[in-house]
Amino acid sequence: IAAMIAWKDVHSEQVERVGYDVDTSELFVTWRRGGRTSIYSDVPPDVANQAATAWSVGKFLDENVKRTYNHRYEK
């Protein structure tokens, strides 16, 4: 059974939507440019919530997620 990912469309020049899987603690970020989805591992729920609701989603990801959590692209 696939885990449920809660997606949120965001207002951002860089990011189309942000999702979070509470079962795996993975943060999903779909980028506007190219449409690829990044998956960040072991992200706490509060960080995922902040990413989805930040005034500047791209800036929040740059400063708090990209260099902190392991990353891979969705296949």
N, C-alpha and C. Protein backbone atom coordinates (compact mmCIF):
# COMPACT_ATOMS: atom_id res chain seq x y z
N ILE A 1 0.86 -1.19 0.00
CA ILE A 1 0.00 0.00 0.00
C ILE A 1 0.89 1.23 0.00
N ALA A 2 0.65 2.11 -0.93
CA ALA A 2 1.43 3.35 -1.03
C ALA A 2 1.04 4.29 0.09
N ALA A 3 2.02 4.98 0.62
CA ALA A 3 1.77 5.94 1.69
C ALA A 3 1.05 7.16 1.13
N MET A 4 0.32 7.83 1.98
CA MET A 4 -0.42 9.02 1.57
C MET A 4 0.49 10.24 1.65
N ILE A 5 0.56 10.98 0.57
CA ILE A 5 1.34 12.21 0.54
C ILE A 5 0.36 13.37 0.52
N ALA A 6 0.49 14.26 1.47
CA ALA A 6 -0.35 15.46 1.52
C ALA A 6 0.33 16.55 0.69
N TRP A 7 -0.28 16.90 -0.44
CA TRP A 7 0.28 17.91 -1.34
C TRP A 7 -0.35 19.27 -1.09
N LYS A 8 0.45 20.31 -1.29
CA LYS A 8 -0.04 21.68 -1.18
C LYS A 8 0.56 22.48 -2.33
N ASP A 9 -0.32 23.07 -3.15
CA ASP A 9 0.15 24.00 -4.18
C ASP A 9 0.64 25.26 -3.48
N VAL A 10 1.77 25.78 -3.92
CA VAL A 10 2.33 26.96 -3.27
C VAL A 10 2.50 28.09 -4.29
N HIS A 11 2.53 29.31 -3.76
CA HIS A 11 2.76 30.48 -4.60
C HIS A 11 4.25 30.78 -4.59
N SER A 12 4.93 30.35 -5.62
CA SER A 12 6.38 30.49 -5.68
C SER A 12 6.81 30.53 -7.14
N GLU A 13 7.84 31.29 -7.41
CA GLU A 13 8.40 31.33 -8.77
C GLU A 13 9.16 30.05 -9.08
N GLN A 14 9.71 29.40 -8.06
CA GLN A 14 10.54 28.22 -8.25
C GLN A 14 9.81 26.90 -8.03
N VAL A 15 8.85 26.89 -7.13
CA VAL A 15 8.22 25.65 -6.68
C VAL A 15 6.74 25.62 -7.07
N GLU A 16 6.32 24.48 -7.63
CA GLU A 16 4.92 24.30 -8.01
C GLU A 16 4.09 23.80 -6.83
N ARG A 17 4.62 22.76 -6.16
CA ARG A 17 3.90 22.21 -5.02
C ARG A 17 4.87 21.51 -4.08
N VAL A 18 4.40 21.34 -2.85
CA VAL A 18 5.18 20.70 -1.80
C VAL A 18 4.31 19.59 -1.21
N GLY A 19 4.91 18.44 -0.95
CA GLY A 19 4.18 17.33 -0.34
C GLY A 19 4.97 16.73 0.79
N TYR A 20 4.28 16.04 1.67
CA TYR A 20 4.95 15.41 2.80
C TYR A 20 4.31 14.07 3.09
N ASP A 21 5.14 13.07 3.30
CA ASP A 21 4.70 11.73 3.67
C ASP A 21 5.05 11.52 5.14
N VAL A 22 4.04 11.52 6.00
CA VAL A 22 4.30 11.39 7.44
C VAL A 22 4.85 10.02 7.80
N ASP A 23 4.53 9.00 7.01
CA ASP A 23 5.01 7.64 7.32
C ASP A 23 6.50 7.48 7.07
N THR A 24 7.03 8.17 6.07
CA THR A 24 8.45 8.03 5.72
C THR A 24 9.27 9.28 6.07
N SER A 25 8.62 10.35 6.52
CA SER A 25 9.28 11.64 6.82
C SER A 25 10.00 12.19 5.60
N GLU A 26 9.37 12.03 4.42
CA GLU A 26 9.95 12.55 3.18
C GLU A 26 9.20 13.79 2.72
N LEU A 27 9.98 14.80 2.36
CA LEU A 27 9.45 16.04 1.82
C LEU A 27 9.61 16.00 0.31
N PHE A 28 8.52 16.22 -0.42
CA PHE A 28 8.52 16.21 -1.88
C PHE A 28 8.36 17.64 -2.37
N VAL A 29 9.22 18.04 -3.32
CA VAL A 29 9.16 19.39 -3.88
C VAL A 29 9.14 19.27 -5.40
N THR A 30 8.06 19.71 -6.03
CA THR A 30 7.98 19.71 -7.48
C THR A 30 8.35 21.10 -7.98
N TRP A 31 9.37 21.15 -8.82
CA TRP A 31 9.92 22.41 -9.32
C TRP A 31 9.18 22.85 -10.58
N ARG A 32 8.97 24.14 -10.71
CA ARG A 32 8.30 24.68 -11.90
C ARG A 32 9.17 24.47 -13.14
N ARG A 33 10.46 24.75 -13.02
CA ARG A 33 11.38 24.59 -14.15
C ARG A 33 11.71 23.11 -14.30
N GLY A 34 11.26 22.51 -15.35
CA GLY A 34 11.57 21.11 -15.61
C GLY A 34 10.56 20.12 -15.05
N GLY A 35 9.78 20.54 -14.05
CA GLY A 35 8.75 19.68 -13.50
C GLY A 35 9.23 18.49 -12.70
N ARG A 36 10.52 18.44 -12.38
CA ARG A 36 11.04 17.31 -11.60
C ARG A 36 10.63 17.45 -10.14
N THR A 37 10.57 16.31 -9.46
CA THR A 37 10.25 16.31 -8.04
C THR A 37 11.45 15.84 -7.25
N SER A 38 11.88 16.67 -6.31
CA SER A 38 12.95 16.32 -5.38
C SER A 38 12.33 15.68 -4.16
N ILE A 39 13.03 14.69 -3.61
CA ILE A 39 12.59 14.04 -2.38
C ILE A 39 13.70 14.21 -1.35
N TYR A 40 13.36 14.82 -0.21
CA TYR A 40 14.31 15.01 0.88
C TYR A 40 13.95 14.06 2.01
N SER A 41 14.94 13.35 2.53
CA SER A 41 14.72 12.29 3.53
C SER A 41 14.86 12.81 4.95
N ASP A 42 14.13 12.16 5.86
CA ASP A 42 14.23 12.40 7.31
C ASP A 42 13.92 13.85 7.70
N VAL A 43 12.95 14.43 7.03
CA VAL A 43 12.55 15.82 7.32
C VAL A 43 11.46 15.80 8.40
N PRO A 44 11.68 16.52 9.51
CA PRO A 44 10.66 16.57 10.55
C PRO A 44 9.38 17.25 10.04
N PRO A 45 8.23 16.87 10.59
CA PRO A 45 6.96 17.45 10.14
C PRO A 45 6.91 18.98 10.25
N ASP A 46 7.51 19.54 11.29
CA ASP A 46 7.45 21.00 11.44
C ASP A 46 8.24 21.70 10.34
N VAL A 47 9.35 21.11 9.91
CA VAL A 47 10.14 21.70 8.81
C VAL A 47 9.35 21.61 7.51
N ALA A 48 8.70 20.48 7.28
CA ALA A 48 7.88 20.31 6.08
C ALA A 48 6.74 21.33 6.06
N ASN A 49 6.11 21.54 7.20
CA ASN A 49 5.03 22.52 7.28
C ASN A 49 5.53 23.93 7.01
N GLN A 50 6.68 24.25 7.56
CA GLN A 50 7.28 25.57 7.31
C GLN A 50 7.61 25.75 5.83
N ALA A 51 8.09 24.69 5.19
CA ALA A 51 8.41 24.76 3.76
C ALA A 51 7.16 25.04 2.94
N ALA A 52 6.05 24.43 3.31
CA ALA A 52 4.81 24.58 2.56
C ALA A 52 4.13 25.91 2.80
N THR A 53 4.45 26.57 3.90
CA THR A 53 3.75 27.81 4.26
C THR A 53 4.65 29.03 4.30
N ALA A 54 5.91 28.88 3.95
CA ALA A 54 6.86 30.00 4.01
C ALA A 54 6.47 31.12 3.06
N TRP A 55 6.78 32.34 3.46
CA TRP A 55 6.52 33.49 2.60
C TRP A 55 7.27 33.33 1.29
N SER A 56 8.52 32.85 1.38
CA SER A 56 9.31 32.54 0.19
C SER A 56 9.73 31.07 0.29
N VAL A 57 9.00 30.22 -0.41
CA VAL A 57 9.26 28.78 -0.34
C VAL A 57 10.67 28.46 -0.83
N GLY A 58 11.07 29.04 -1.97
CA GLY A 58 12.40 28.79 -2.51
C GLY A 58 13.50 29.18 -1.55
N LYS A 59 13.36 30.34 -0.92
CA LYS A 59 14.37 30.81 0.03
C LYS A 59 14.41 29.88 1.25
N PHE A 60 13.24 29.48 1.74
CA PHE A 60 13.22 28.56 2.89
C PHE A 60 13.93 27.26 2.55
N LEU A 61 13.64 26.71 1.37
CA LEU A 61 14.29 25.46 0.96
C LEU A 61 15.80 25.64 0.84
N ASP A 62 16.23 26.76 0.25
CA ASP A 62 17.67 27.03 0.11
C ASP A 62 18.35 27.09 1.48
N GLU A 63 17.72 27.76 2.43
CA GLU A 63 18.36 28.02 3.72
C GLU A 63 18.19 26.90 4.74
N ASN A 64 17.14 26.08 4.60
CA ASN A 64 16.83 25.14 5.68
C ASN A 64 16.72 23.67 5.27
N VAL A 65 16.67 23.40 3.97
CA VAL A 65 16.42 22.02 3.55
C VAL A 65 17.53 21.47 2.65
N LYS A 66 17.87 22.20 1.60
CA LYS A 66 18.74 21.67 0.55
C LYS A 66 20.08 21.13 1.05
N ARG A 67 20.72 21.81 1.96
CA ARG A 67 22.04 21.37 2.43
C ARG A 67 21.97 20.56 3.73
N THR A 68 20.76 20.40 4.25
CA THR A 68 20.58 19.74 5.55
C THR A 68 20.13 18.29 5.40
N TYR A 69 19.27 18.02 4.43
CA TYR A 69 18.66 16.70 4.28
C TYR A 69 19.11 16.03 3.00
N ASN A 70 19.25 14.70 3.05
CA ASN A 70 19.63 13.94 1.86
C ASN A 70 18.56 14.09 0.78
N HIS A 71 19.02 14.12 -0.47
CA HIS A 71 18.15 14.43 -1.60
C HIS A 71 18.29 13.39 -2.70
N ARG A 72 17.17 13.14 -3.35
CA ARG A 72 17.17 12.34 -4.59
C ARG A 72 16.00 12.85 -5.44
N TYR A 73 16.06 12.53 -6.73
CA TYR A 73 14.94 12.89 -7.61
C TYR A 73 13.99 11.72 -7.72
N GLU A 74 12.72 12.01 -7.79
CA GLU A 74 11.71 10.97 -8.00
C GLU A 74 11.94 10.34 -9.36
N LYS A 75 11.78 9.03 -9.46
CA LYS A 75 12.01 8.32 -10.71
C LYS A 75 10.80 8.43 -11.61
